Amino acid sequence: MEVKIFTKIIKSKSGFWPNSETATDRGLEAEINLWLATKPDIEIKNITQSQSGGSWMPATVVVTVWYQ
């Protein structure tokens, strides 16, 4: 079994109250989809996602893909 880890720092919005700006994954989904497209013969065994930070610090999102 092999593991691929994707990490992206998501900058927090400026200001305390939410505004009309849409939250973005800063390209994380596109990065994962591109990697998956280059590996058509793999079998995904498990995917996990975690996040740290986010209140006053930028959030760090980690997506881990276990595959064979």
C-alpha atoms as a PDB file:
ATOM      1  CA  MET A   1       0.000   0.000   0.000  1.00  0.00           C
ATOM      2  CA  GLU A   2       1.187   3.515  -0.780  1.00  0.00           C
ATOM      3  CA  VAL A   3       0.245   6.923   0.609  1.00  0.00           C
ATOM      4  CA  LYS A   4      -0.058  10.312  -1.088  1.00  0.00           C
ATOM      5  CA  ILE A   5      -0.378  13.397   1.135  1.00  0.00           C
ATOM      6  CA  PHE A   6      -1.724  16.723  -0.104  1.00  0.00           C
ATOM      7  CA  THR A   7      -1.278  19.820   2.061  1.00  0.00           C
ATOM      8  CA  LYS A   8      -2.514  23.355   1.514  1.00  0.00           C
ATOM      9  CA  ILE A   9      -2.506  26.441   3.734  1.00  0.00           C
ATOM     10  CA  ILE A  10      -5.813  28.271   3.460  1.00  0.00           C
ATOM     11  CA  LYS A  11      -5.440  31.929   4.370  1.00  0.00           C
ATOM     12  CA  SER A  12      -8.064  33.242   6.738  1.00  0.00           C
ATOM     13  CA  LYS A  13     -10.362  36.032   5.632  1.00  0.00           C
ATOM     14  CA  SER A  14      -9.580  39.501   6.873  1.00  0.00           C
ATOM     15  CA  GLY A  15     -11.967  40.855   9.469  1.00  0.00           C
ATOM     16  CA  PHE A  16     -14.048  39.170  12.130  1.00  0.00           C
ATOM     17  CA  TRP A  17     -17.429  38.948  10.360  1.00  0.00           C
ATOM     18  CA  PRO A  18     -17.901  36.848   7.229  1.00  0.00           C
ATOM     19  CA  ASN A  19     -18.281  38.825   4.042  1.00  0.00           C
ATOM     20  CA  SER A  20     -19.474  38.009   0.551  1.00  0.00           C
ATOM     21  CA  GLU A  21     -16.174  36.403  -0.465  1.00  0.00           C
ATOM     22  CA  THR A  22     -16.487  32.697  -1.147  1.00  0.00           C
ATOM     23  CA  ALA A  23     -14.122  30.402   0.723  1.00  0.00           C
ATOM     24  CA  THR A  24     -11.715  28.615  -1.579  1.00  0.00           C
ATOM     25  CA  ASP A  25      -9.596  25.502  -1.311  1.00  0.00           C
ATOM     26  CA  ARG A  26      -6.788  27.403  -3.114  1.00  0.00           C
ATOM     27  CA  GLY A  27      -6.501  24.695  -5.771  1.00  0.00           C
ATOM     28  CA  LEU A  28      -6.372  21.673  -3.476  1.00  0.00           C
ATOM     29  CA  GLU A  29      -9.272  19.870  -5.181  1.00  0.00           C
ATOM     30  CA  ALA A  30      -7.787  20.496  -8.640  1.00  0.00           C
ATOM     31  CA  GLU A  31      -4.391  19.216  -7.447  1.00  0.00           C
ATOM     32  CA  ILE A  32      -5.958  16.002  -6.128  1.00  0.00           C
ATOM     33  CA  ASN A  33      -8.047  15.506  -9.277  1.00  0.00           C
ATOM     34  CA  LEU A  34      -4.992  16.009 -11.500  1.00  0.00           C
ATOM     35  CA  TRP A  35      -3.008  13.456  -9.499  1.00  0.00           C
ATOM     36  CA  LEU A  36      -5.892  10.958  -9.692  1.00  0.00           C
ATOM     37  CA  ALA A  37      -6.169  11.481 -13.462  1.00  0.00           C
ATOM     38  CA  THR A  38      -2.509  10.507 -13.867  1.00  0.00           C
ATOM     39  CA  LYS A  39      -3.069   7.277 -11.881  1.00  0.00           C
ATOM     40  CA  PRO A  40      -6.020   5.539 -13.634  1.00  0.00           C
ATOM     41  CA  ASP A  41      -4.975   2.029 -12.541  1.00  0.00           C
ATOM     42  CA  ILE A  42      -4.775   2.577  -8.785  1.00  0.00           C
ATOM     43  CA  GLU A  43      -7.323   1.360  -6.275  1.00  0.00           C
ATOM     44  CA  ILE A  44      -8.175   3.860  -3.532  1.00  0.00           C
ATOM     45  CA  LYS A  45      -8.287   2.147  -0.146  1.00  0.00           C
ATOM     46  CA  ASN A  46      -8.911   5.083   2.208  1.00  0.00           C
ATOM     47  CA  ILE A  47      -9.044   8.891   2.193  1.00  0.00           C
ATOM     48  CA  THR A  48      -8.839  11.124   5.267  1.00  0.00           C
ATOM     49  CA  GLN A  49      -8.923  14.875   5.719  1.00  0.00           C
ATOM     50  CA  SER A  50      -7.814  16.974   8.665  1.00  0.00           C
ATOM     51  CA  GLN A  51      -7.477  20.664   9.389  1.00  0.00           C
ATOM     52  CA  SER A  52      -5.600  22.656  11.983  1.00  0.00           C
ATOM     53  CA  GLY A  53      -5.678  26.352  12.778  1.00  0.00           C
ATOM     54  CA  GLY A  54      -8.309  28.558  11.225  1.00  0.00           C
ATOM     55  CA  SER A  55      -9.544  30.901  13.962  1.00  0.00           C
ATOM     56  CA  TRP A  56      -6.803  33.523  14.038  1.00  0.00           C
ATOM     57  CA  MET A  57      -4.148  31.564  12.151  1.00  0.00           C
ATOM     58  CA  PRO A  58      -4.329  30.309   8.554  1.00  0.00           C
ATOM     59  CA  ALA A  59      -5.875  26.847   8.345  1.00  0.00           C
ATOM     60  CA  THR A  60      -3.733  23.968   7.146  1.00  0.00           C
ATOM     61  CA  VAL A  61      -5.717  21.262   5.331  1.00  0.00           C
ATOM     62  CA  VAL A  62      -4.213  17.794   4.885  1.00  0.00           C
ATOM     63  CA  VAL A  63      -5.780  15.151   2.642  1.00  0.00           C
ATOM     64  CA  THR A  64      -4.235  11.687   2.793  1.00  0.00           C
ATOM     65  CA  VAL A  65      -4.950   9.044   0.135  1.00  0.00           C
ATOM     66  CA  TRP A  66      -4.043   5.382   0.732  1.00  0.00           C
ATOM     67  CA  TYR A  67      -3.952   3.388  -2.494  1.00  0.00           C
ATOM     68  CA  GLN A  68      -2.611   0.272  -4.215  1.00  0.00           C
END
